[in-house]
């Protein structure tokens, strides 16, 4: 399993959220159950695109999601399958 973060090179100071992309891939050679991915941010808040509010407080935020595949059996990430999810990050300091 491999996970990569694509982060912005800078943040706006006006409080507007910045996109954060989490890419994940099954780099092994066997099927794996869809992994539960937890992303934690310090001095920032996180939210999913469909959420109305950011999680956490002004010092720490965490968000969890399943690393699912776009096709194939539900709940399984086959070898070589990859996907990405877009989150939003709002710095707090």
Protein backbone atom coordinates (compact mmCIF):
# COMPACT_ATOMS: atom_id res chain seq x y z
CA UNK A 1 0.00 0.00 0.00
CA UNK A 2 1.34 3.41 -0.94
CA UNK A 3 -0.12 6.79 -0.01
CA UNK A 4 0.94 10.17 -1.43
CA UNK A 5 -0.19 13.66 -0.49
CA UNK A 6 -0.38 16.46 -3.03
CA UNK A 7 -0.33 19.68 -1.06
CA UNK A 8 -0.43 23.32 -2.06
CA UNK A 9 2.88 25.17 -2.18
CA UNK A 10 1.44 27.95 -0.04
CA UNK A 11 -1.64 28.99 1.86
CA UNK A 12 -3.69 32.14 1.72
CA UNK A 13 -3.78 34.16 4.89
CA UNK A 14 -7.42 35.15 4.39
CA UNK A 15 -8.68 31.80 5.72
CA UNK A 16 -9.79 30.34 2.39
CA UNK A 17 -9.38 26.55 2.32
CA UNK A 18 -6.76 24.95 0.09
CA UNK A 19 -7.23 21.65 -1.77
CA UNK A 20 -5.32 18.61 -0.55
CA UNK A 21 -5.28 15.42 -2.62
CA UNK A 22 -4.64 12.00 -1.09
CA UNK A 23 -3.56 9.38 -3.63
CA UNK A 24 -3.47 5.72 -2.64
CA UNK A 25 -2.52 2.52 -4.47
CA UNK A 26 -2.30 -1.19 -3.73
CA UNK A 27 1.34 -1.80 -4.65
CA UNK A 28 1.24 -5.43 -3.53
CA UNK A 29 0.37 -8.50 -5.56
CA UNK A 30 -2.79 -9.61 -3.71
CA UNK A 31 -6.22 -8.12 -3.07
CA UNK A 32 -6.50 -6.15 0.18
CA UNK A 33 -9.57 -5.00 2.08
CA UNK A 34 -10.26 -1.31 1.46
CA UNK A 35 -7.94 0.34 3.98
CA UNK A 36 -9.17 2.83 6.56
CA UNK A 37 -7.00 5.90 5.99
CA UNK A 38 -6.65 8.50 8.72
CA UNK A 39 -5.14 11.88 7.99
CA UNK A 40 -4.19 14.15 10.89
CA UNK A 41 -3.25 17.82 10.63
CA UNK A 42 -1.65 20.03 13.25
CA UNK A 43 -2.49 23.75 13.23
CA UNK A 44 -5.00 23.15 10.44
CA UNK A 45 -8.52 21.83 9.98
CA UNK A 46 -9.68 19.28 7.40
CA UNK A 47 -12.95 18.54 5.63
CA UNK A 48 -14.30 16.32 2.87
CA UNK A 49 -15.77 18.06 -0.21
CA UNK A 50 -19.36 17.21 0.75
CA UNK A 51 -18.99 18.24 4.40
CA UNK A 52 -20.26 21.64 5.44
CA UNK A 53 -17.84 22.07 8.33
CA UNK A 54 -14.19 21.43 9.11
CA UNK A 55 -13.25 18.83 11.74
CA UNK A 56 -11.30 19.38 14.93
CA UNK A 57 -10.30 22.51 16.74
CA UNK A 58 -7.66 25.12 16.02
CA UNK A 59 -4.72 22.93 17.07
CA UNK A 60 -5.48 19.48 15.64
CA UNK A 61 -7.83 17.88 13.15
CA UNK A 62 -8.28 14.31 11.91
CA UNK A 63 -10.38 12.74 9.19
CA UNK A 64 -10.95 9.10 8.21
CA UNK A 65 -12.10 7.54 4.95
CA UNK A 66 -12.00 4.19 3.19
CA UNK A 67 -9.49 3.70 0.37
CA UNK A 68 -11.95 2.25 -2.12
CA UNK A 69 -11.50 1.39 -5.78
CA UNK A 70 -13.58 2.94 -8.57
CA UNK A 71 -14.35 -0.47 -10.08
CA UNK A 72 -14.34 -4.11 -9.06
CA UNK A 73 -15.77 -5.73 -5.96
CA UNK A 74 -16.88 -3.39 -3.17
CA UNK A 75 -14.51 -3.14 -0.24
CA UNK A 76 -11.52 -4.55 -2.12
CA UNK A 77 -8.46 -2.83 -3.52
CA UNK A 78 -6.90 -5.10 -6.13
CA UNK A 79 -3.18 -5.11 -7.02
CA UNK A 80 -2.30 -2.01 -9.03
CA UNK A 81 -5.59 -0.27 -8.32
CA UNK A 82 -5.26 3.37 -7.35
CA UNK A 83 -7.56 6.20 -6.54
CA UNK A 84 -7.52 9.66 -5.03
CA UNK A 85 -9.70 11.79 -2.83
CA UNK A 86 -9.76 15.56 -2.60
CA UNK A 87 -9.97 17.16 0.83
CA UNK A 88 -9.81 20.75 1.97
CA UNK A 89 -7.31 22.14 4.43
CA UNK A 90 -7.69 25.40 6.34
CA UNK A 91 -4.63 26.61 8.28
CA UNK A 92 -5.32 27.88 11.77
CA UNK A 93 -2.07 29.71 12.49
